[in-house]
Every structure is written in structure tokens, then in C-alpha cells.
N, C-alpha and C. Protein backbone atom coordinates (compact mmCIF):
# COMPACT_ATOMS: atom_id res chain seq x y z
N MET A 1 4.47 -5.32 16.67
CA MET A 1 3.67 -4.14 16.41
C MET A 1 3.63 -3.80 14.91
N LEU A 2 4.66 -4.16 14.17
CA LEU A 2 4.72 -3.84 12.75
C LEU A 2 3.63 -4.57 11.96
N ILE A 3 3.53 -5.86 12.14
CA ILE A 3 2.54 -6.65 11.39
C ILE A 3 1.12 -6.20 11.72
N PRO A 4 0.76 -6.01 13.01
CA PRO A 4 -0.59 -5.50 13.29
C PRO A 4 -0.86 -4.13 12.65
N SER A 5 0.15 -3.26 12.61
CA SER A 5 -0.03 -1.95 11.98
C SER A 5 -0.28 -2.09 10.48
N ILE A 6 0.46 -2.99 9.84
CA ILE A 6 0.25 -3.23 8.40
C ILE A 6 -1.15 -3.78 8.18
N ASN A 7 -1.54 -4.76 9.00
CA ASN A 7 -2.88 -5.34 8.86
C ASN A 7 -3.96 -4.29 9.08
N ASN A 8 -3.78 -3.42 10.05
CA ASN A 8 -4.74 -2.36 10.32
C ASN A 8 -4.88 -1.44 9.11
N SER A 9 -3.76 -1.07 8.54
CA SER A 9 -3.77 -0.19 7.38
C SER A 9 -4.43 -0.86 6.18
N LEU A 10 -4.08 -2.11 5.94
CA LEU A 10 -4.67 -2.84 4.82
C LEU A 10 -6.16 -3.10 5.04
N ASN A 11 -6.55 -3.36 6.29
CA ASN A 11 -7.98 -3.54 6.59
C ASN A 11 -8.77 -2.26 6.31
N GLY A 12 -8.17 -1.11 6.59
CA GLY A 12 -8.82 0.15 6.27
C GLY A 12 -9.02 0.30 4.77
N LEU A 13 -8.04 -0.16 4.01
CA LEU A 13 -8.16 -0.11 2.56
C LEU A 13 -9.28 -1.05 2.08
N VAL A 14 -9.35 -2.24 2.66
CA VAL A 14 -10.42 -3.18 2.31
C VAL A 14 -11.78 -2.57 2.64
N ASP A 15 -11.90 -1.95 3.82
CA ASP A 15 -13.16 -1.30 4.20
C ASP A 15 -13.58 -0.27 3.16
N LEU A 16 -12.63 0.49 2.68
CA LEU A 16 -12.92 1.49 1.65
C LEU A 16 -13.34 0.82 0.35
N LEU A 17 -12.58 -0.17 -0.09
CA LEU A 17 -12.88 -0.84 -1.37
C LEU A 17 -14.26 -1.49 -1.35
N ASN A 18 -14.67 -1.97 -0.19
CA ASN A 18 -16.00 -2.57 -0.07
C ASN A 18 -17.13 -1.57 -0.29
N GLN A 19 -16.82 -0.28 -0.23
CA GLN A 19 -17.84 0.76 -0.43
C GLN A 19 -17.87 1.31 -1.86
N LEU A 20 -16.90 0.92 -2.67
CA LEU A 20 -16.78 1.48 -4.01
C LEU A 20 -17.33 0.52 -5.07
N SER A 21 -17.98 1.08 -6.06
CA SER A 21 -18.32 0.29 -7.24
C SER A 21 -17.03 0.17 -8.07
N ASN A 22 -16.99 -0.80 -8.96
CA ASN A 22 -15.81 -0.92 -9.82
C ASN A 22 -15.62 0.35 -10.65
N SER A 23 -16.70 0.97 -11.06
CA SER A 23 -16.62 2.19 -11.83
C SER A 23 -15.96 3.31 -11.02
N GLU A 24 -16.37 3.49 -9.77
CA GLU A 24 -15.75 4.50 -8.91
C GLU A 24 -14.28 4.18 -8.67
N TYR A 25 -13.98 2.91 -8.67
CA TYR A 25 -12.63 2.42 -8.38
C TYR A 25 -11.67 2.67 -9.56
N TYR A 26 -12.13 2.41 -10.78
CA TYR A 26 -11.18 2.47 -11.90
C TYR A 26 -11.25 3.74 -12.74
N ASN A 27 -12.26 4.55 -12.55
CA ASN A 27 -12.35 5.79 -13.34
C ASN A 27 -11.34 6.82 -12.86
N PRO A 28 -10.77 7.58 -13.78
CA PRO A 28 -9.82 8.63 -13.39
C PRO A 28 -10.47 9.68 -12.50
N CYS A 29 -9.69 10.21 -11.56
CA CYS A 29 -10.14 11.25 -10.64
C CYS A 29 -9.31 12.51 -10.88
N ALA A 30 -9.98 13.61 -11.08
CA ALA A 30 -9.27 14.87 -11.29
C ALA A 30 -8.37 15.18 -10.10
N SER A 31 -8.86 14.89 -8.89
CA SER A 31 -8.08 15.20 -7.68
C SER A 31 -6.84 14.31 -7.53
N LEU A 32 -6.76 13.27 -8.34
CA LEU A 32 -5.58 12.38 -8.35
C LEU A 32 -4.79 12.57 -9.63
N SER A 33 -4.84 13.75 -10.20
CA SER A 33 -4.16 14.04 -11.47
C SER A 33 -4.56 13.05 -12.55
N ASN A 34 -5.83 12.71 -12.57
CA ASN A 34 -6.44 11.79 -13.52
C ASN A 34 -5.98 10.34 -13.42
N SER A 35 -5.34 9.99 -12.31
CA SER A 35 -5.15 8.56 -12.05
C SER A 35 -6.39 8.10 -11.27
N SER A 36 -6.46 6.82 -11.00
CA SER A 36 -7.65 6.29 -10.34
C SER A 36 -7.31 5.76 -8.95
N ILE A 37 -8.34 5.58 -8.16
CA ILE A 37 -8.17 4.94 -6.85
C ILE A 37 -7.59 3.54 -7.08
N GLY A 38 -8.06 2.88 -8.12
CA GLY A 38 -7.56 1.54 -8.45
C GLY A 38 -6.07 1.52 -8.75
N GLU A 39 -5.59 2.53 -9.46
CA GLU A 39 -4.15 2.58 -9.76
C GLU A 39 -3.33 2.75 -8.48
N HIS A 40 -3.79 3.60 -7.59
CA HIS A 40 -3.06 3.77 -6.32
C HIS A 40 -3.12 2.50 -5.48
N THR A 41 -4.27 1.85 -5.49
CA THR A 41 -4.41 0.59 -4.74
C THR A 41 -3.51 -0.48 -5.33
N ARG A 42 -3.50 -0.58 -6.65
CA ARG A 42 -2.62 -1.56 -7.30
C ARG A 42 -1.17 -1.32 -6.92
N HIS A 43 -0.77 -0.07 -6.90
CA HIS A 43 0.60 0.27 -6.55
C HIS A 43 0.93 -0.19 -5.12
N ILE A 44 0.04 0.04 -4.18
CA ILE A 44 0.23 -0.42 -2.80
C ILE A 44 0.39 -1.94 -2.78
N ILE A 45 -0.54 -2.62 -3.40
CA ILE A 45 -0.55 -4.09 -3.39
C ILE A 45 0.71 -4.65 -4.04
N GLU A 46 1.09 -4.11 -5.18
CA GLU A 46 2.22 -4.68 -5.90
C GLU A 46 3.56 -4.43 -5.21
N MET A 47 3.65 -3.40 -4.43
CA MET A 47 4.89 -3.20 -3.65
C MET A 47 5.03 -4.32 -2.62
N PHE A 48 3.95 -4.62 -1.91
CA PHE A 48 3.99 -5.74 -0.96
C PHE A 48 4.24 -7.06 -1.68
N GLN A 49 3.59 -7.26 -2.82
CA GLN A 49 3.78 -8.50 -3.58
C GLN A 49 5.22 -8.65 -4.05
N CYS A 50 5.82 -7.56 -4.45
CA CYS A 50 7.20 -7.60 -4.93
C CYS A 50 8.14 -8.05 -3.80
N LEU A 51 7.93 -7.51 -2.62
CA LEU A 51 8.74 -7.92 -1.48
C LEU A 51 8.53 -9.40 -1.18
N GLU A 52 7.28 -9.85 -1.18
CA GLU A 52 6.96 -11.26 -0.92
C GLU A 52 7.60 -12.17 -1.96
N ALA A 53 7.47 -11.81 -3.22
CA ALA A 53 7.96 -12.66 -4.31
C ALA A 53 9.48 -12.79 -4.30
N ASN A 54 10.16 -11.82 -3.73
CA ASN A 54 11.62 -11.81 -3.76
C ASN A 54 12.26 -12.07 -2.40
N TYR A 55 11.44 -12.43 -1.43
CA TYR A 55 11.94 -12.70 -0.08
C TYR A 55 13.01 -13.80 -0.09
N GLU A 56 12.70 -14.91 -0.72
CA GLU A 56 13.65 -16.05 -0.72
C GLU A 56 14.96 -15.68 -1.41
N ALA A 57 14.88 -15.02 -2.54
CA ALA A 57 16.09 -14.64 -3.28
C ALA A 57 16.89 -13.57 -2.52
N GLY A 58 16.19 -12.74 -1.76
CA GLY A 58 16.86 -11.73 -0.97
C GLY A 58 17.30 -10.50 -1.76
N ILE A 59 16.80 -10.35 -2.97
CA ILE A 59 17.10 -9.16 -3.79
C ILE A 59 15.76 -8.62 -4.30
N VAL A 60 15.46 -7.38 -3.94
CA VAL A 60 14.18 -6.78 -4.30
C VAL A 60 14.42 -5.55 -5.18
N ASN A 61 13.74 -5.53 -6.31
CA ASN A 61 13.73 -4.35 -7.17
C ASN A 61 12.27 -3.98 -7.35
N TYR A 62 11.83 -2.94 -6.66
CA TYR A 62 10.42 -2.54 -6.69
C TYR A 62 9.98 -2.04 -8.07
N ASP A 63 10.92 -1.71 -8.92
CA ASP A 63 10.57 -1.30 -10.28
C ASP A 63 10.09 -2.48 -11.12
N ASN A 64 10.39 -3.70 -10.68
CA ASN A 64 10.01 -4.90 -11.43
C ASN A 64 8.68 -5.48 -10.95
N ARG A 65 7.68 -4.62 -10.82
CA ARG A 65 6.35 -5.07 -10.43
C ARG A 65 5.60 -5.57 -11.67
N LYS A 66 4.58 -6.39 -11.44
CA LYS A 66 3.84 -6.97 -12.57
C LYS A 66 2.87 -5.99 -13.23
N ARG A 67 2.36 -5.04 -12.48
CA ARG A 67 1.38 -4.08 -12.99
C ARG A 67 0.15 -4.78 -13.56
N ASN A 68 -0.50 -5.54 -12.70
CA ASN A 68 -1.67 -6.34 -13.05
C ASN A 68 -2.91 -5.44 -13.12
N ILE A 69 -3.44 -5.26 -14.31
CA ILE A 69 -4.57 -4.37 -14.54
C ILE A 69 -5.81 -4.83 -13.76
N ALA A 70 -5.96 -6.12 -13.54
CA ALA A 70 -7.13 -6.63 -12.80
C ALA A 70 -7.17 -6.05 -11.38
N ILE A 71 -6.01 -5.81 -10.78
CA ILE A 71 -5.98 -5.25 -9.43
C ILE A 71 -6.55 -3.83 -9.43
N GLN A 72 -6.35 -3.08 -10.48
CA GLN A 72 -6.79 -1.68 -10.50
C GLN A 72 -8.18 -1.49 -11.10
N THR A 73 -8.82 -2.58 -11.52
CA THR A 73 -10.14 -2.44 -12.13
C THR A 73 -11.24 -3.23 -11.41
N ASP A 74 -10.86 -4.14 -10.53
CA ASP A 74 -11.83 -5.03 -9.88
C ASP A 74 -11.59 -5.00 -8.37
N THR A 75 -12.51 -4.39 -7.64
CA THR A 75 -12.32 -4.26 -6.19
C THR A 75 -12.25 -5.62 -5.49
N GLU A 76 -13.06 -6.56 -5.92
CA GLU A 76 -13.04 -7.89 -5.28
C GLU A 76 -11.69 -8.57 -5.48
N PHE A 77 -11.14 -8.45 -6.67
CA PHE A 77 -9.83 -9.04 -6.93
C PHE A 77 -8.76 -8.34 -6.09
N ALA A 78 -8.83 -7.03 -6.01
CA ALA A 78 -7.87 -6.27 -5.19
C ALA A 78 -7.96 -6.72 -3.74
N ILE A 79 -9.17 -6.87 -3.23
CA ILE A 79 -9.34 -7.33 -1.84
C ILE A 79 -8.75 -8.72 -1.65
N SER A 80 -8.95 -9.60 -2.61
CA SER A 80 -8.38 -10.96 -2.50
C SER A 80 -6.85 -10.90 -2.45
N GLN A 81 -6.26 -9.98 -3.20
CA GLN A 81 -4.80 -9.84 -3.20
C GLN A 81 -4.31 -9.27 -1.87
N ILE A 82 -5.07 -8.36 -1.29
CA ILE A 82 -4.72 -7.81 0.03
C ILE A 82 -4.75 -8.92 1.07
N ARG A 83 -5.76 -9.77 1.02
CA ARG A 83 -5.87 -10.87 1.99
C ARG A 83 -4.68 -11.85 1.85
N ILE A 84 -4.25 -12.09 0.63
CA ILE A 84 -3.08 -12.95 0.41
C ILE A 84 -1.84 -12.31 1.03
N ILE A 85 -1.69 -11.02 0.84
CA ILE A 85 -0.56 -10.30 1.44
C ILE A 85 -0.61 -10.46 2.96
N GLN A 86 -1.77 -10.22 3.54
CA GLN A 86 -1.88 -10.30 5.00
C GLN A 86 -1.54 -11.69 5.52
N ASP A 87 -1.90 -12.70 4.77
CA ASP A 87 -1.60 -14.07 5.18
C ASP A 87 -0.13 -14.44 5.05
N SER A 88 0.64 -13.62 4.33
CA SER A 88 2.04 -13.98 4.07
C SER A 88 3.05 -13.07 4.75
N LEU A 89 2.61 -12.16 5.59
CA LEU A 89 3.52 -11.18 6.20
C LEU A 89 4.46 -11.77 7.24
N GLU A 90 4.00 -12.74 7.99
CA GLU A 90 4.77 -13.28 9.10
C GLU A 90 5.95 -14.12 8.60
N LYS A 91 7.09 -13.49 8.56
CA LYS A 91 8.32 -14.18 8.14
C LYS A 91 9.45 -13.76 9.06
N GLN A 92 10.50 -14.55 9.06
CA GLN A 92 11.70 -14.20 9.81
C GLN A 92 12.36 -12.98 9.18
N ASN A 93 12.94 -12.14 10.01
CA ASN A 93 13.72 -11.05 9.47
C ASN A 93 14.97 -11.64 8.82
N LYS A 94 15.39 -11.08 7.73
CA LYS A 94 16.61 -11.52 7.06
C LYS A 94 17.14 -10.39 6.21
N LYS A 95 18.39 -10.52 5.81
CA LYS A 95 19.02 -9.52 4.95
C LYS A 95 18.31 -9.49 3.60
N ILE A 96 18.08 -8.30 3.12
CA ILE A 96 17.50 -8.08 1.79
C ILE A 96 18.37 -7.02 1.11
N GLU A 97 18.63 -7.22 -0.15
CA GLU A 97 19.30 -6.18 -0.93
C GLU A 97 18.28 -5.50 -1.82
N LEU A 98 18.30 -4.18 -1.79
CA LEU A 98 17.47 -3.42 -2.71
C LEU A 98 18.28 -3.16 -3.96
N GLN A 99 17.68 -3.42 -5.10
CA GLN A 99 18.34 -3.19 -6.37
C GLN A 99 17.55 -2.16 -7.14
N GLN A 100 18.24 -1.24 -7.77
CA GLN A 100 17.59 -0.28 -8.63
C GLN A 100 18.57 0.15 -9.72
N ILE A 101 18.02 0.47 -10.87
CA ILE A 101 18.82 1.00 -11.95
C ILE A 101 18.57 2.51 -11.99
N ILE A 102 19.60 3.28 -11.80
CA ILE A 102 19.50 4.74 -11.83
C ILE A 102 20.47 5.25 -12.87
N ASP A 103 19.92 5.98 -13.84
CA ASP A 103 20.73 6.52 -14.93
C ASP A 103 21.59 5.44 -15.59
N GLY A 104 20.99 4.26 -15.76
CA GLY A 104 21.68 3.18 -16.44
C GLY A 104 22.64 2.38 -15.59
N GLU A 105 22.80 2.75 -14.33
CA GLU A 105 23.72 2.03 -13.44
C GLU A 105 22.95 1.31 -12.35
N GLU A 106 23.35 0.07 -12.11
CA GLU A 106 22.73 -0.71 -11.04
C GLU A 106 23.32 -0.30 -9.70
N ILE A 107 22.44 -0.09 -8.74
CA ILE A 107 22.91 0.10 -7.38
C ILE A 107 22.23 -0.94 -6.50
N ARG A 108 22.91 -1.34 -5.45
CA ARG A 108 22.35 -2.26 -4.46
C ARG A 108 22.60 -1.66 -3.08
N ILE A 109 21.55 -1.71 -2.27
CA ILE A 109 21.62 -1.16 -0.92
C ILE A 109 21.19 -2.24 0.05
N ASP A 110 21.96 -2.41 1.12
CA ASP A 110 21.61 -3.39 2.15
C ASP A 110 20.39 -2.94 2.93
N SER A 111 19.51 -3.88 3.18
CA SER A 111 18.33 -3.64 3.99
C SER A 111 17.98 -4.95 4.67
N ASN A 112 16.76 -5.04 5.20
CA ASN A 112 16.28 -6.30 5.75
C ASN A 112 14.77 -6.36 5.61
N TYR A 113 14.23 -7.53 5.83
CA TYR A 113 12.81 -7.76 5.60
C TYR A 113 11.94 -6.82 6.43
N PHE A 114 12.24 -6.68 7.72
CA PHE A 114 11.42 -5.82 8.57
C PHE A 114 11.50 -4.36 8.13
N ARG A 115 12.67 -3.91 7.72
CA ARG A 115 12.82 -2.54 7.24
C ARG A 115 11.99 -2.32 5.99
N GLU A 116 11.96 -3.32 5.13
CA GLU A 116 11.17 -3.21 3.90
C GLU A 116 9.68 -3.27 4.18
N LEU A 117 9.27 -4.05 5.19
CA LEU A 117 7.87 -4.03 5.60
C LEU A 117 7.48 -2.64 6.09
N LEU A 118 8.36 -2.03 6.89
CA LEU A 118 8.10 -0.69 7.39
C LEU A 118 8.01 0.30 6.23
N TYR A 119 8.92 0.19 5.28
CA TYR A 119 8.86 1.04 4.09
C TYR A 119 7.53 0.88 3.37
N ASN A 120 7.10 -0.36 3.19
CA ASN A 120 5.85 -0.62 2.49
C ASN A 120 4.65 -0.08 3.27
N LEU A 121 4.70 -0.15 4.59
CA LEU A 121 3.63 0.43 5.41
C LEU A 121 3.56 1.93 5.20
N GLU A 122 4.69 2.60 5.30
CA GLU A 122 4.72 4.06 5.12
C GLU A 122 4.28 4.44 3.70
N HIS A 123 4.70 3.66 2.73
CA HIS A 123 4.32 3.88 1.34
C HIS A 123 2.80 3.69 1.18
N CYS A 124 2.26 2.67 1.82
CA CYS A 124 0.83 2.40 1.80
C CYS A 124 0.05 3.59 2.37
N ILE A 125 0.48 4.08 3.52
CA ILE A 125 -0.18 5.21 4.17
C ILE A 125 -0.14 6.45 3.27
N HIS A 126 0.97 6.68 2.63
CA HIS A 126 1.11 7.81 1.72
C HIS A 126 0.08 7.73 0.59
N HIS A 127 -0.06 6.57 -0.02
CA HIS A 127 -1.02 6.42 -1.11
C HIS A 127 -2.45 6.45 -0.59
N GLN A 128 -2.68 5.97 0.62
CA GLN A 128 -4.01 6.05 1.21
C GLN A 128 -4.40 7.52 1.43
N ALA A 129 -3.44 8.34 1.81
CA ALA A 129 -3.72 9.77 1.99
C ALA A 129 -4.17 10.38 0.67
N LEU A 130 -3.54 9.98 -0.43
CA LEU A 130 -3.95 10.48 -1.75
C LEU A 130 -5.35 9.97 -2.10
N ILE A 131 -5.59 8.70 -1.85
CA ILE A 131 -6.90 8.11 -2.12
C ILE A 131 -7.98 8.83 -1.32
N LYS A 132 -7.66 9.15 -0.08
CA LYS A 132 -8.63 9.83 0.80
C LYS A 132 -9.08 11.16 0.21
N VAL A 133 -8.16 11.87 -0.42
CA VAL A 133 -8.51 13.14 -1.07
C VAL A 133 -9.61 12.91 -2.11
N ALA A 134 -9.49 11.83 -2.86
CA ALA A 134 -10.47 11.54 -3.91
C ALA A 134 -11.80 11.09 -3.33
N VAL A 135 -11.79 10.24 -2.32
CA VAL A 135 -13.05 9.69 -1.81
C VAL A 135 -13.82 10.67 -0.93
N LEU A 136 -13.15 11.64 -0.35
CA LEU A 136 -13.85 12.60 0.50
C LEU A 136 -14.82 13.47 -0.31
N GLN A 137 -14.70 13.46 -1.62
CA GLN A 137 -15.63 14.20 -2.47
C GLN A 137 -16.97 13.48 -2.60
N ASN A 138 -17.02 12.23 -2.16
CA ASN A 138 -18.24 11.44 -2.22
C ASN A 138 -18.80 11.30 -0.80
N ALA A 139 -19.89 11.96 -0.52
CA ALA A 139 -20.46 11.99 0.84
C ALA A 139 -20.97 10.64 1.32
N THR A 140 -21.19 9.70 0.41
CA THR A 140 -21.73 8.40 0.83
C THR A 140 -20.64 7.44 1.30
N ILE A 141 -19.39 7.77 1.07
CA ILE A 141 -18.28 6.89 1.46
C ILE A 141 -17.81 7.28 2.85
N ILE A 142 -17.72 6.29 3.71
CA ILE A 142 -17.27 6.50 5.09
C ILE A 142 -15.81 6.08 5.18
N VAL A 143 -14.98 7.03 5.59
CA VAL A 143 -13.54 6.75 5.72
C VAL A 143 -13.13 7.05 7.16
N ASP A 144 -12.43 6.12 7.76
CA ASP A 144 -11.93 6.32 9.12
C ASP A 144 -11.04 7.56 9.16
N GLU A 145 -11.14 8.32 10.22
CA GLU A 145 -10.36 9.56 10.31
C GLU A 145 -8.85 9.31 10.26
N ASN A 146 -8.41 8.11 10.63
CA ASN A 146 -6.98 7.79 10.61
C ASN A 146 -6.52 7.13 9.31
N PHE A 147 -7.43 6.96 8.36
CA PHE A 147 -7.06 6.38 7.07
C PHE A 147 -6.11 7.35 6.37
N GLY A 148 -4.94 6.86 5.98
CA GLY A 148 -3.97 7.70 5.29
C GLY A 148 -3.20 8.63 6.20
N VAL A 149 -3.20 8.33 7.49
CA VAL A 149 -2.49 9.17 8.46
C VAL A 149 -1.38 8.33 9.09
N ALA A 150 -0.18 8.88 9.15
CA ALA A 150 0.98 8.16 9.71
C ALA A 150 0.76 7.85 11.19
N ARG A 151 1.29 6.72 11.63
CA ARG A 151 1.17 6.32 13.04
C ARG A 151 1.72 7.40 13.96
N SER A 152 2.83 8.02 13.59
CA SER A 152 3.42 9.05 14.44
C SER A 152 2.47 10.24 14.60
N THR A 153 1.74 10.57 13.56
CA THR A 153 0.77 11.66 13.63
C THR A 153 -0.42 11.27 14.52
N ILE A 154 -0.88 10.05 14.39
CA ILE A 154 -1.97 9.57 15.23
C ILE A 154 -1.58 9.63 16.70
N GLU A 155 -0.37 9.16 17.01
CA GLU A 155 0.13 9.18 18.39
C GLU A 155 0.29 10.62 18.89
N TYR A 156 0.78 11.49 18.04
CA TYR A 156 0.95 12.90 18.42
C TYR A 156 -0.41 13.54 18.73
N ARG A 157 -1.40 13.25 17.90
CA ARG A 157 -2.74 13.80 18.13
C ARG A 157 -3.31 13.32 19.46
N LYS A 158 -3.05 12.05 19.79
CA LYS A 158 -3.52 11.52 21.08
C LYS A 158 -2.90 12.27 22.25
N GLN A 159 -1.61 12.58 22.13
CA GLN A 159 -0.91 13.31 23.17
C GLN A 159 -1.47 14.73 23.33
N CYS A 160 -1.82 15.34 22.24
CA CYS A 160 -2.34 16.71 22.26
C CYS A 160 -3.70 16.79 22.95
N VAL A 161 -4.48 15.72 22.85
CA VAL A 161 -5.81 15.68 23.44
C VAL A 161 -5.72 15.59 24.96
N GLN A 162 -4.67 14.97 25.47
CA GLN A 162 -4.53 14.75 26.92
C GLN A 162 -4.18 15.98 27.68
């Protein structure tokens, strides 16, 4: 269920990117504190890429992302990177250590691949919710009502309707 949920979320992002011009994608948005939809998309993509790139080594530091400007300025390139992520998600669960430097000290926390995928999914949804705030100002863009909404909220809403 985890991989299909990630794919569903990423497909929603692709659907949105297919509706945006590069200018709409990379220009700053006041509703995003002058960041761009592209910057939020790049952040989503690079978190998944960071996990993928460090899967074999088993040590992930999300602060060590590449910050590829092409991802935040070119919708087609961003979509291609999302498709690569989707093609590489299916892996065995294994131990992963999270590494971070906080106040000059290195910390490491035990985790695993599936837990980090779940983290990245939740992180993706969070940034999609921010992106949704920006795109809802444009009446020509169609966004699924569940774009940027947590799975638990979607399930809760379904229960309320019954």
C-alpha cells in the first residue's frame, strides 16, 4: 500500500506540473512567502533522490541534497525526475541510519527504508498542500481535491460521508 500511495501522490504532482508553464512554475509566489512552486517541487524530488542515492550505503543525510536548479525551473525535467523516482521505489526494506548535524554535533538515528519512504510521502503531501495554496489562485488549473491532503484525512472524510 505504501508504494501505490507514493505513486498516487507523485502522479498528482505530475498532473499539476503538466498544467503549468515554466514561468508559472519558477516565478516566486507571494502566497508561498516568495518561494516558487518549482522550489517546493524540487524539495520533494530531492528528498526521494537522497534516499535512493544512499540506499546502498545505508546512511541518509537529507541535508546533503544536490539542489539542482533545473528541477525547479523546468517542468518537463522535474516530471522526468519524478518518473525515475517512481521506477526506483521497489526495494527490500533494510536498516537505514539517519545522519544530521545539529549545533555542530553529528547525530545518527536508526530507521529503515520503508519508514523513510513513509516520511518522504508525508513530506511530499505537506509540500503539495503548500503548492495547492498557490495554484488555487489560478482558475485555469485543475487540482484534485485530495492533492496535498494526508491519507488519514481522506479516509476520515470518507467515514464522515457514510
